[in-house]
Amino acid sequence: MTVKILLVEDSDSQLKFLKDGLLQHGFEIETASNGAEAFKKLFEFIPDLVLSDIMMPAIDGYQLCRLIKNREETKKIPVILLTILDKKIDSFWGKKAGAQLFLSKSIDMEELVKNINATLRRYPLTEEYKANIAANATHENSAQSQLNTILNDLLLKSVFANEFRNLSDFLNYERILVEKMFSLLSSFVEYSVAGIYFASPDDFSENILYIDTLGRNLSKNLLSDIQYDFFRKLEDIKPIRDTKFEVVRILMGKEMSYTFSDMKSKIIIPLVFDKKLIGGICFYTRSDADYASFRYFDIMISELLAIFKMKYQYTEKEFMSVLDGLTGLYNRRQFELGLEQEHNRTKRHPADFSLAILDIDFFKKVNDTYGHQYGDYVLKTVADLMKASFRKTDLLYRYGGEELIMIMPETNIEGALIPVQRLRRSIEEFDFDYNGIKAKVTASIGLTMNYQDFKTSAEILKSADEALYKAKESGRNRVIVYEG
């Protein structure tokens, strides 16, 4: 079957040259002198390929290409653009318009035919697809109106996306960022309640669902139900604990008696990047709404994902600067700051806090016997056992080498002994197994408290260290409490 090419060129001499050359190579040719005429003939001639000049009056080659690619019934027709333009930006714009190839007009006929045949092989049209094009014939005067619709749509999408991108100025100010996001979202999304959640790389951080009620005073029971419903959905991706909600806009007037069952429509959108949950948004409304059918839904999600990604990466960078890379515990510098802050806090507002130092028994022997990789595995595993043994409010550190430290705010010695002994037993009972090599490991722990006769944080640390020394001297695998 003869291949049909729609040739679009406003220069009579160039049109004749191209037409004669292509006819000699066995193609069936239909011509048009402008984009509007070409768009009409597209539905009458049903070409296998469109070969178009770019520089034409009214509707140029870029616009013609965009018209073709914007319609479902014609978007598979391959388009080759010919031009005297040779700048990279011209080629870029041609590709963004959807063209399969962007060729110079100076190309010789043999090379042009070679490119045409290669494009036809790569983008063949089925007879069924051609029949569908014929069934959707359009009118000549509709080309400009359709182009205007496309251009207006592209402009609106650009403005829409730009509004989201402006939010990146507030990445360092979470509360302001949330308020700006709600202000933008409420300008084009219908909802009764909306929620925004930023995940943190710190598993011990609070998980807050920021809520916007559009200024309505809604009951805490309703908002608690929405909080539960939202995080339950996100649990499919990652376990989440210690959740809460926070209403961000000023509430006005008396409390409205809405209940969760009054919310007829909802959508919960987890935001995931690189297989990590980085946040989520949700919308609830008392009216029937199909959020997924919102005109710019995909753009909204794409732009939100970009913002959440930047926010997560910024938080992650800040977080990693205070962590020990191997264990995931806070590093020594953070311990020094944390101990000083806790000591100063309890001097201003008298309260107990306890501190424990853990040292892995015979750790050098583990390294010498099984290798440093095994030693790293033991350290990381002990750190994980620490995280499982203590409260979220407790502060866990790697002090250096095989020494790990725990600060337990608002906790006296009796209260601290419970998790500390639990940790010691967990380590003793754990079956360490790395690359098929099994071992048993124990730890010695020194425990102290901010007793009144300690004047500085350094004295507190020294007392814990003395208790640790006694634990090791008295046989290891035990907890010794500082006695002064």
Protein backbone atom coordinates (compact mmCIF):
# COMPACT_ATOMS: atom_id res chain seq x y z
CA MET A 1 0.00 0.00 0.00
CA THR A 2 1.32 3.45 -0.97
CA VAL A 3 2.52 5.58 1.93
CA LYS A 4 0.59 8.87 2.21
CA ILE A 5 2.39 12.07 3.23
CA LEU A 6 0.75 15.40 4.02
CA LEU A 7 3.24 18.07 2.90
CA VAL A 8 2.79 21.52 4.47
CA GLU A 9 4.78 24.45 3.02
CA ASP A 10 3.88 28.09 2.29
CA SER A 11 6.63 28.61 -0.31
CA ASP A 12 5.42 27.51 -3.76
CA SER A 13 8.95 26.75 -5.02
CA GLN A 14 9.90 24.75 -1.94
CA LEU A 15 6.54 22.94 -2.02
CA LYS A 16 7.08 21.90 -5.66
CA PHE A 17 10.66 20.77 -4.99
CA LEU A 18 9.64 18.58 -2.05
CA LYS A 19 6.53 17.23 -3.72
CA ASP A 20 8.34 16.23 -6.93
CA GLY A 21 11.16 14.55 -4.99
CA LEU A 22 8.81 12.57 -2.75
CA LEU A 23 6.60 11.50 -5.68
CA GLN A 24 9.67 10.11 -7.42
CA HIS A 25 10.27 7.92 -4.38
CA GLY A 26 6.78 6.44 -4.59
CA PHE A 27 4.94 8.36 -1.89
CA GLU A 28 1.36 9.61 -2.31
CA ILE A 29 1.41 13.35 -1.59
CA GLU A 30 -1.26 15.84 -0.48
CA THR A 31 -0.25 19.46 0.05
CA ALA A 32 -1.32 22.38 2.19
CA SER A 33 0.02 25.92 2.25
CA ASN A 34 -0.71 26.71 5.92
CA GLY A 35 -1.46 25.05 9.24
CA ALA A 36 -5.22 25.60 9.18
CA GLU A 37 -5.56 24.01 5.74
CA ALA A 38 -3.30 21.14 6.82
CA PHE A 39 -5.39 20.45 9.91
CA LYS A 40 -8.56 20.18 7.80
CA LYS A 41 -6.90 17.89 5.25
CA LEU A 42 -5.57 15.71 8.03
CA PHE A 43 -9.07 14.25 8.46
CA GLU A 44 -9.77 13.98 4.72
CA PHE A 45 -6.45 12.63 3.43
CA ILE A 46 -5.55 10.52 6.50
CA PRO A 47 -1.76 10.61 6.05
CA ASP A 48 0.77 8.13 7.40
CA LEU A 49 3.08 11.06 8.15
CA VAL A 50 3.02 14.86 8.21
CA LEU A 51 6.04 16.73 6.80
CA SER A 52 5.73 20.41 7.68
CA ASP A 53 7.62 23.65 7.41
CA ILE A 54 7.83 25.61 10.67
CA MET A 55 7.80 29.25 9.56
CA MET A 56 4.26 29.80 8.25
CA PRO A 57 1.72 32.59 8.80
CA ALA A 58 -1.18 32.31 11.27
CA ILE A 59 -0.65 28.70 12.43
CA ASP A 60 3.01 27.67 12.21
CA GLY A 61 4.55 24.22 12.22
CA TYR A 62 4.99 24.10 16.00
CA GLN A 63 1.33 24.95 16.51
CA LEU A 64 0.16 22.50 13.85
CA CYS A 65 2.19 19.78 15.54
CA ARG A 66 0.69 20.63 18.92
CA LEU A 67 -2.81 20.55 17.39
CA ILE A 68 -2.16 17.07 16.00
CA LYS A 69 -0.63 15.74 19.21
CA ASN A 70 -3.29 17.22 21.45
CA ARG A 71 -6.14 15.19 19.93
CA GLU A 72 -6.55 11.56 20.93
CA GLU A 73 -7.57 10.48 17.41
CA THR A 74 -4.55 12.09 15.67
CA LYS A 75 -1.72 12.12 18.23
CA LYS A 76 -0.10 8.93 16.86
CA ILE A 77 0.45 10.46 13.40
CA PRO A 78 4.23 11.02 13.13
CA VAL A 79 5.33 14.58 12.41
CA ILE A 80 8.62 15.72 10.88
CA LEU A 81 9.36 19.45 11.04
CA LEU A 82 11.58 21.09 8.40
CA THR A 83 13.20 24.45 9.04
CA ILE A 84 16.08 26.76 8.26
CA LEU A 85 16.37 27.43 12.02
CA ASP A 86 19.42 25.78 13.54
CA LYS A 87 19.56 26.89 17.16
CA LYS A 88 19.20 24.32 19.95
CA ILE A 89 16.19 26.13 21.39
CA ASP A 90 14.36 25.62 18.07
CA SER A 91 15.03 21.90 18.18
CA PHE A 92 13.98 21.81 21.84
CA TRP A 93 10.70 23.58 21.09
CA GLY A 94 10.03 21.25 18.16
CA LYS A 95 10.41 18.20 20.39
CA LYS A 96 8.24 19.75 23.09
CA ALA A 97 5.56 20.35 20.46
CA GLY A 98 5.57 16.58 19.95
CA ALA A 99 7.46 16.24 16.65
CA GLN A 100 9.20 12.93 15.98
CA LEU A 101 12.02 14.60 14.04
CA PHE A 102 13.36 18.10 13.52
CA LEU A 103 15.35 18.36 10.26
CA SER A 104 17.12 21.14 8.38
CA LYS A 105 15.70 22.23 5.01
CA SER A 106 19.18 21.90 3.60
CA ILE A 107 19.00 18.11 3.93
CA ASP A 108 19.24 16.34 0.54
CA MET A 109 16.28 14.33 -0.79
CA GLU A 110 17.89 10.92 -0.31
CA GLU A 111 18.64 11.65 3.34
CA LEU A 112 15.14 13.06 3.84
CA VAL A 113 13.54 9.92 2.40
CA LYS A 114 15.78 7.77 4.59
CA ASN A 115 14.56 9.67 7.69
CA ILE A 116 10.93 9.44 6.54
CA ASN A 117 11.13 5.66 6.08
CA ALA A 118 12.82 5.20 9.45
CA THR A 119 10.09 7.27 11.14
CA LEU A 120 7.35 5.30 9.40
CA ARG A 121 8.85 2.03 10.57
CA ARG A 122 9.05 3.31 14.13
CA TYR A 123 5.58 4.89 14.24
CA PRO A 124 3.27 2.83 11.98
CA LEU A 125 -0.47 3.60 11.92
CA THR A 126 -3.00 0.78 11.88
CA GLU A 127 -5.95 0.78 9.50
CA GLU A 128 -8.25 0.86 12.50
CA TYR A 129 -6.57 4.02 13.77
CA LYS A 130 -6.87 5.68 10.34
CA ALA A 131 -10.56 4.80 10.20
CA ASN A 132 -11.06 6.50 13.55
CA ILE A 133 -9.37 9.67 12.21
CA ALA A 134 -11.82 9.74 9.29
CA ALA A 135 -14.75 9.30 11.64
CA ASN A 136 -13.70 12.41 13.59
CA ALA A 137 -13.41 14.84 10.67
CA THR A 138 -13.27 18.49 11.74
CA HIS A 139 -13.88 21.83 10.05
CA GLU A 140 -11.27 24.20 8.66
CA ASN A 141 -12.37 27.10 10.82
CA SER A 142 -12.03 25.01 14.00
CA ALA A 143 -8.22 24.84 13.80
CA GLN A 144 -7.62 28.32 15.23
CA SER A 145 -10.24 27.93 17.95
CA GLN A 146 -8.77 24.58 18.96
CA LEU A 147 -5.29 26.08 18.96
CA ASN A 148 -6.51 28.92 21.16
CA THR A 149 -8.00 26.36 23.57
CA ILE A 150 -4.70 24.47 23.69
CA LEU A 151 -2.66 27.62 24.25
CA ASN A 152 -5.02 28.87 26.95
CA ASP A 153 -4.87 25.47 28.62
CA LEU A 154 -1.07 25.47 28.52
CA LEU A 155 -0.99 28.99 29.94
CA LEU A 156 -3.35 28.05 32.76
CA LYS A 157 -1.30 24.95 33.56
CA SER A 158 1.85 27.07 33.62
CA VAL A 159 0.30 29.61 35.98
CA PHE A 160 -1.12 26.80 38.12
CA ALA A 161 2.26 25.05 38.40
CA ASN A 162 4.05 28.34 39.08
CA GLU A 163 1.78 29.04 42.06
CA PHE A 164 2.94 25.79 43.65
CA ARG A 165 6.59 26.43 42.85
CA ASN A 166 6.44 29.77 44.65
CA LEU A 167 5.82 27.79 47.85
CA SER A 168 9.42 26.56 47.81
CA ASP A 169 10.44 29.92 49.33
CA PHE A 170 8.98 28.71 52.65
CA LEU A 171 10.61 25.26 52.94
CA ASN A 172 12.50 26.31 56.07
CA TYR A 173 9.35 27.56 57.81
CA GLU A 174 6.98 24.63 58.13
CA ARG A 175 4.03 26.43 59.69
CA ILE A 176 4.12 29.25 57.12
CA LEU A 177 4.51 26.70 54.31
CA VAL A 178 1.43 24.83 55.52
CA GLU A 179 -0.65 28.01 55.72
CA LYS A 180 0.43 29.07 52.22
CA MET A 181 -0.40 25.61 50.86
CA PHE A 182 -3.87 25.65 52.38
CA SER A 183 -4.46 29.15 51.05
CA LEU A 184 -3.59 27.96 47.54
CA LEU A 185 -5.43 24.64 47.70
CA SER A 186 -8.62 26.21 49.04
CA SER A 187 -8.68 28.61 46.08
CA PHE A 188 -9.42 25.82 43.60
CA VAL A 189 -10.32 22.64 45.55
CA GLU A 190 -13.70 22.23 47.23
CA TYR A 191 -13.44 20.73 50.72
CA SER A 192 -14.84 20.90 54.24
CA VAL A 193 -11.63 19.67 55.84
CA ALA A 194 -8.16 19.29 54.32
CA GLY A 195 -4.99 17.85 55.79
CA ILE A 196 -1.25 18.10 55.11
CA TYR A 197 1.37 15.78 56.61
CA PHE A 198 5.14 16.04 56.26
CA ALA A 199 6.98 12.80 57.05
CA SER A 200 10.34 13.04 58.78
CA PRO A 201 13.46 10.89 58.37
CA ASP A 202 13.59 10.88 62.17
CA ASP A 203 11.45 7.94 63.32
CA PHE A 204 11.19 9.54 66.76
CA SER A 205 9.70 12.82 65.56
CA GLU A 206 6.05 13.75 66.05
CA ASN A 207 3.69 12.90 63.19
CA ILE A 208 1.42 15.93 62.82
CA LEU A 209 -1.54 16.15 60.47
CA TYR A 210 -2.02 19.88 59.87
CA ILE A 211 -5.73 20.50 59.35
CA ASP A 212 -7.63 23.31 57.63
CA THR A 213 -11.35 23.70 58.35
CA LEU A 214 -11.72 26.94 56.34
CA GLY A 215 -12.18 28.81 59.61
CA ARG A 216 -15.08 26.67 60.82
CA ASN A 217 -15.09 25.52 64.43
CA LEU A 218 -15.39 21.74 64.01
CA SER A 219 -15.48 19.24 66.86
CA LYS A 220 -12.34 17.55 68.13
CA ASN A 221 -14.07 14.19 67.70
CA LEU A 222 -14.49 14.79 63.96
CA LEU A 223 -10.92 15.95 63.54
CA SER A 224 -9.63 13.00 65.57
CA ASP A 225 -11.59 10.63 63.32
CA ILE A 226 -10.05 12.27 60.23
CA GLN A 227 -6.59 12.00 61.81
CA TYR A 228 -7.14 8.29 62.47
CA ASP A 229 -8.57 7.66 59.00
CA PHE A 230 -5.68 9.46 57.29
CA PHE A 231 -2.83 7.76 59.13
CA ARG A 232 -4.52 4.35 58.85
CA LYS A 233 -4.31 4.76 55.07
CA LEU A 234 -0.63 5.69 55.27
CA GLU A 235 0.05 2.64 57.45
CA ASP A 236 -0.18 0.58 54.23
CA ILE A 237 3.17 2.13 53.27
CA LYS A 238 4.96 2.66 56.59
CA PRO A 239 4.12 2.06 60.27
CA ILE A 240 3.38 5.39 61.94
CA ARG A 241 3.11 6.00 65.67
CA ASP A 242 2.52 8.97 67.95
CA THR A 243 0.18 10.90 65.66
CA LYS A 244 -1.66 14.13 66.42
CA PHE A 245 -3.52 16.86 64.56
CA GLU A 246 -3.13 20.61 64.63
CA VAL A 247 -5.64 23.11 63.22
CA VAL A 248 -3.77 25.91 61.45
CA ARG A 249 -6.37 28.58 60.68
CA ILE A 250 -8.21 30.71 63.26
CA LEU A 251 -11.50 29.17 64.31
CA MET A 252 -14.58 31.39 64.40
CA GLY A 253 -18.06 31.12 65.79
CA LYS A 254 -19.74 28.30 67.67
CA GLU A 255 -18.81 24.67 67.18
CA MET A 256 -20.53 22.96 64.25
CA SER A 257 -22.02 19.53 64.87
CA TYR A 258 -20.52 17.73 61.87
CA THR A 259 -19.55 14.09 62.34
CA PHE A 260 -17.25 11.85 60.32
CA SER A 261 -20.28 10.16 58.70
CA ASP A 262 -21.33 13.57 57.32
CA MET A 263 -18.25 13.55 55.07
CA LYS A 264 -19.68 12.10 51.85
CA SER A 265 -16.49 12.30 49.79
CA LYS A 266 -12.83 12.01 50.60
CA ILE A 267 -9.46 11.41 49.00
CA ILE A 268 -6.24 10.48 50.81
CA ILE A 269 -3.05 10.82 48.76
CA PRO A 270 0.18 9.34 50.16
CA LEU A 271 3.25 11.00 48.63
CA VAL A 272 6.13 8.60 48.02
CA PHE A 273 9.59 9.24 46.60
CA ASP A 274 12.38 6.68 46.15
CA LYS A 275 10.18 4.10 47.94
CA LYS A 276 10.01 6.34 51.04
CA LEU A 277 6.87 7.93 52.44
CA ILE A 278 7.59 11.66 52.43
CA GLY A 279 4.13 12.92 53.35
CA GLY A 280 0.50 13.04 52.31
CA ILE A 281 -2.54 15.22 51.76
CA CYS A 282 -6.26 14.61 52.19
CA PHE A 283 -9.56 16.27 51.39
CA TYR A 284 -12.93 15.58 53.03
CA THR A 285 -16.20 17.21 52.03
CA ARG A 286 -19.87 17.07 53.01
CA SER A 287 -20.93 17.12 49.35
CA ASP A 288 -20.45 14.57 46.58
CA ALA A 289 -17.12 15.20 44.85
CA ASP A 290 -14.89 13.24 42.49
CA TYR A 291 -11.49 14.70 43.35
CA ALA A 292 -9.61 12.50 40.89
CA SER A 293 -11.58 14.07 38.00
CA PHE A 294 -10.42 17.57 38.91
CA ARG A 295 -9.10 19.20 35.73
CA TYR A 296 -5.54 19.71 36.92
CA PHE A 297 -5.39 16.91 39.47
CA ASP A 298 -2.24 15.32 37.98
CA ILE A 299 -0.41 18.65 37.87
CA MET A 300 -1.43 19.38 41.46
CA ILE A 301 -0.07 16.01 42.67
CA SER A 302 3.10 16.40 40.62
CA GLU A 303 3.82 19.87 42.01
CA LEU A 304 2.95 18.83 45.57
CA LEU A 305 5.27 15.84 45.26
CA ALA A 306 8.10 18.17 44.19
CA ILE A 307 7.52 20.44 47.21
CA PHE A 308 7.27 17.53 49.65
CA LYS A 309 10.42 16.00 48.15
CA MET A 310 12.38 19.24 48.65
CA LYS A 311 11.00 19.58 52.19
CA TYR A 312 11.92 15.99 53.07
CA GLN A 313 15.42 16.29 51.60
CA TYR A 314 16.03 19.54 53.49
CA THR A 315 14.86 17.91 56.75
CA GLU A 316 16.90 14.80 55.99
CA LYS A 317 20.05 16.85 55.43
CA GLU A 318 19.55 18.68 58.73
CA PHE A 319 18.73 15.42 60.49
CA MET A 320 21.74 13.51 59.13
CA SER A 321 24.10 16.24 60.31
CA VAL A 322 23.26 15.35 63.93
CA LEU A 323 23.28 11.55 63.53
CA ASP A 324 25.92 8.89 63.73
CA GLY A 325 25.98 7.35 60.26
CA LEU A 326 26.36 3.72 61.40
CA THR A 327 23.91 3.41 64.28
CA GLY A 328 21.34 6.09 63.45
CA LEU A 329 21.72 7.44 67.00
CA TYR A 330 22.52 11.07 67.72
CA ASN A 331 26.25 11.83 67.50
CA ARG A 332 28.68 12.95 70.22
CA ARG A 333 28.28 16.65 69.47
CA GLN A 334 24.52 16.36 69.89
CA PHE A 335 25.05 14.49 73.16
CA GLU A 336 27.16 17.32 74.54
CA LEU A 337 24.48 19.85 73.54
CA GLY A 338 21.65 17.63 74.79
CA LEU A 339 23.23 16.98 78.18
CA GLU A 340 23.97 20.67 78.71
CA GLN A 341 20.40 21.65 77.73
CA GLU A 342 18.85 19.03 80.00
CA HIS A 343 21.09 20.03 82.91
CA ASN A 344 20.21 23.73 82.46
CA ARG A 345 16.50 22.94 82.10
CA THR A 346 16.38 21.02 85.37
CA LYS A 347 18.25 23.79 87.15
CA ARG A 348 15.58 26.30 86.06
CA HIS A 349 12.69 23.92 86.69
CA PRO A 350 13.82 21.31 89.24
CA ALA A 351 13.20 17.78 87.98
CA ASP A 352 14.98 14.45 87.78
CA PHE A 353 16.74 13.05 84.78
CA SER A 354 18.90 9.94 84.49
CA LEU A 355 21.86 9.14 82.29
CA ALA A 356 23.32 5.74 81.38
CA ILE A 357 26.51 4.77 79.54
CA LEU A 358 26.65 1.40 77.80
CA ASP A 359 29.85 -0.32 76.75
CA ILE A 360 29.79 -3.52 74.65
CA ASP A 361 31.80 -6.16 76.48
CA PHE A 362 35.00 -7.38 74.79
CA PHE A 363 34.16 -5.44 71.64
CA LYS A 364 37.78 -5.41 70.50
CA LYS A 365 37.77 -9.22 70.65
CA VAL A 366 34.65 -9.28 68.44
CA ASN A 367 36.43 -7.11 65.86
CA ASP A 368 39.65 -9.12 66.04
CA THR A 369 37.85 -12.49 65.82
CA TYR A 370 35.13 -11.80 63.25
CA GLY A 371 36.28 -8.62 61.50
CA HIS A 372 35.21 -4.98 61.54
CA GLN A 373 32.10 -5.62 59.44
CA TYR A 374 30.84 -7.95 62.14
CA GLY A 375 31.68 -5.30 64.73
CA ASP A 376 29.66 -2.71 62.79
CA TYR A 377 26.75 -5.17 62.63
CA VAL A 378 26.89 -5.66 66.42
CA LEU A 379 26.96 -1.89 67.04
CA LYS A 380 24.01 -1.25 64.76
CA THR A 381 22.02 -4.12 66.26
CA VAL A 382 22.63 -2.94 69.82
CA ALA A 383 21.53 0.57 68.75
CA ASP A 384 18.31 -0.93 67.33
CA LEU A 385 17.71 -2.79 70.59
CA MET A 386 18.18 0.52 72.41
CA LYS A 387 15.54 2.19 70.26
CA ALA A 388 13.11 -0.63 71.05
CA SER A 389 13.79 -0.48 74.81
CA PHE A 390 13.33 3.25 75.47
CA ARG A 391 10.59 5.84 75.18
CA LYS A 392 10.31 8.27 72.34
CA THR A 393 11.11 11.08 74.77
CA ASP A 394 14.41 9.45 75.77
CA LEU A 395 17.53 10.62 73.93
CA LEU A 396 19.94 8.02 72.53
CA TYR A 397 23.51 8.71 71.43
CA ARG A 398 26.67 7.08 70.15
CA TYR A 399 29.35 8.65 72.30
CA GLY A 400 32.28 7.05 70.54
CA GLY A 401 33.60 3.59 69.60
CA GLU A 402 31.42 1.00 71.34
CA GLU A 403 30.05 3.44 73.96
CA LEU A 404 26.39 4.40 73.74
CA ILE A 405 24.56 6.86 76.00
CA MET A 406 20.95 7.29 77.08
CA ILE A 407 19.46 10.46 78.61
CA MET A 408 16.06 9.87 80.24
CA PRO A 409 14.25 13.14 81.04
CA GLU A 410 11.78 13.31 83.95
CA THR A 411 13.09 9.95 85.21
CA ASN A 412 14.67 9.02 88.55
CA ILE A 413 17.00 6.07 89.16
CA GLU A 414 14.17 3.65 89.99
CA GLY A 415 12.34 4.54 86.78
CA ALA A 416 15.52 4.40 84.70
CA LEU A 417 16.54 0.95 85.93
CA ILE A 418 13.55 -0.66 84.21
CA PRO A 419 14.42 0.19 80.56
CA VAL A 420 18.17 -0.05 81.22
CA GLN A 421 17.90 -3.59 82.62
CA ARG A 422 15.49 -4.46 79.80
CA LEU A 423 18.11 -3.35 77.28
CA ARG A 424 20.88 -5.32 79.01
CA ARG A 425 18.77 -8.51 78.92
CA SER A 426 17.79 -7.90 75.27
CA ILE A 427 21.44 -7.76 74.27
CA GLU A 428 22.35 -10.84 76.34
CA GLU A 429 19.49 -12.89 74.86
CA PHE A 430 19.88 -11.73 71.25
CA ASP A 431 21.33 -14.21 68.74
CA PHE A 432 23.81 -12.19 66.71
CA ASP A 433 24.16 -13.70 63.24
CA TYR A 434 25.99 -12.03 60.36
CA ASN A 435 26.96 -13.81 57.14
CA GLY A 436 26.32 -17.13 58.83
CA ILE A 437 28.59 -16.35 61.80
CA LYS A 438 26.79 -16.55 65.13
CA ALA A 439 27.92 -14.96 68.39
CA LYS A 440 26.69 -13.94 71.81
CA VAL A 441 27.32 -10.41 73.07
CA THR A 442 26.77 -8.70 76.41
CA ALA A 443 27.03 -5.11 77.64
CA SER A 444 27.97 -3.28 80.82
CA ILE A 445 26.04 -0.18 81.84
CA GLY A 446 26.71 2.63 84.30
CA LEU A 447 23.66 4.56 85.52
CA THR A 448 23.44 7.92 87.29
CA MET A 449 21.08 10.82 87.96
CA ASN A 450 21.36 14.62 88.22
CA TYR A 451 21.97 14.59 91.96
CA GLN A 452 21.91 17.96 93.73
CA ASP A 453 25.63 17.99 94.47
CA PHE A 454 26.47 17.90 90.74
CA LYS A 455 27.24 21.46 89.68
CA THR A 456 28.02 20.82 86.01
CA SER A 457 26.93 18.45 83.24
CA ALA A 458 30.51 17.17 83.09
CA GLU A 459 30.17 15.90 86.67
CA ILE A 460 27.03 14.00 85.75
CA LEU A 461 28.80 12.31 82.83
CA LYS A 462 31.81 11.50 85.02
CA SER A 463 29.59 9.78 87.62
CA ALA A 464 28.02 7.55 84.96
CA ASP A 465 31.46 6.72 83.66
CA GLU A 466 32.58 5.71 87.16
CA ALA A 467 29.54 3.43 87.49
CA LEU A 468 30.35 1.87 84.11
CA TYR A 469 33.93 1.21 85.22
CA LYS A 470 32.62 -0.64 88.31
CA ALA A 471 30.25 -2.69 86.14
CA LYS A 472 33.17 -3.84 83.99
CA GLU A 473 35.47 -4.44 86.97
CA SER A 474 32.86 -6.51 88.79
CA GLY A 475 32.33 -9.04 85.98
CA ARG A 476 30.58 -7.21 83.10
CA ASN A 477 27.05 -7.87 81.73
CA ARG A 478 25.46 -5.87 84.54
CA VAL A 479 24.04 -2.46 85.46
CA ILE A 480 25.76 -0.53 88.25
CA VAL A 481 24.17 2.56 89.77
CA TYR A 482 26.41 5.46 90.82
CA GLU A 483 26.50 5.75 94.62
CA GLY A 484 28.74 8.77 95.11
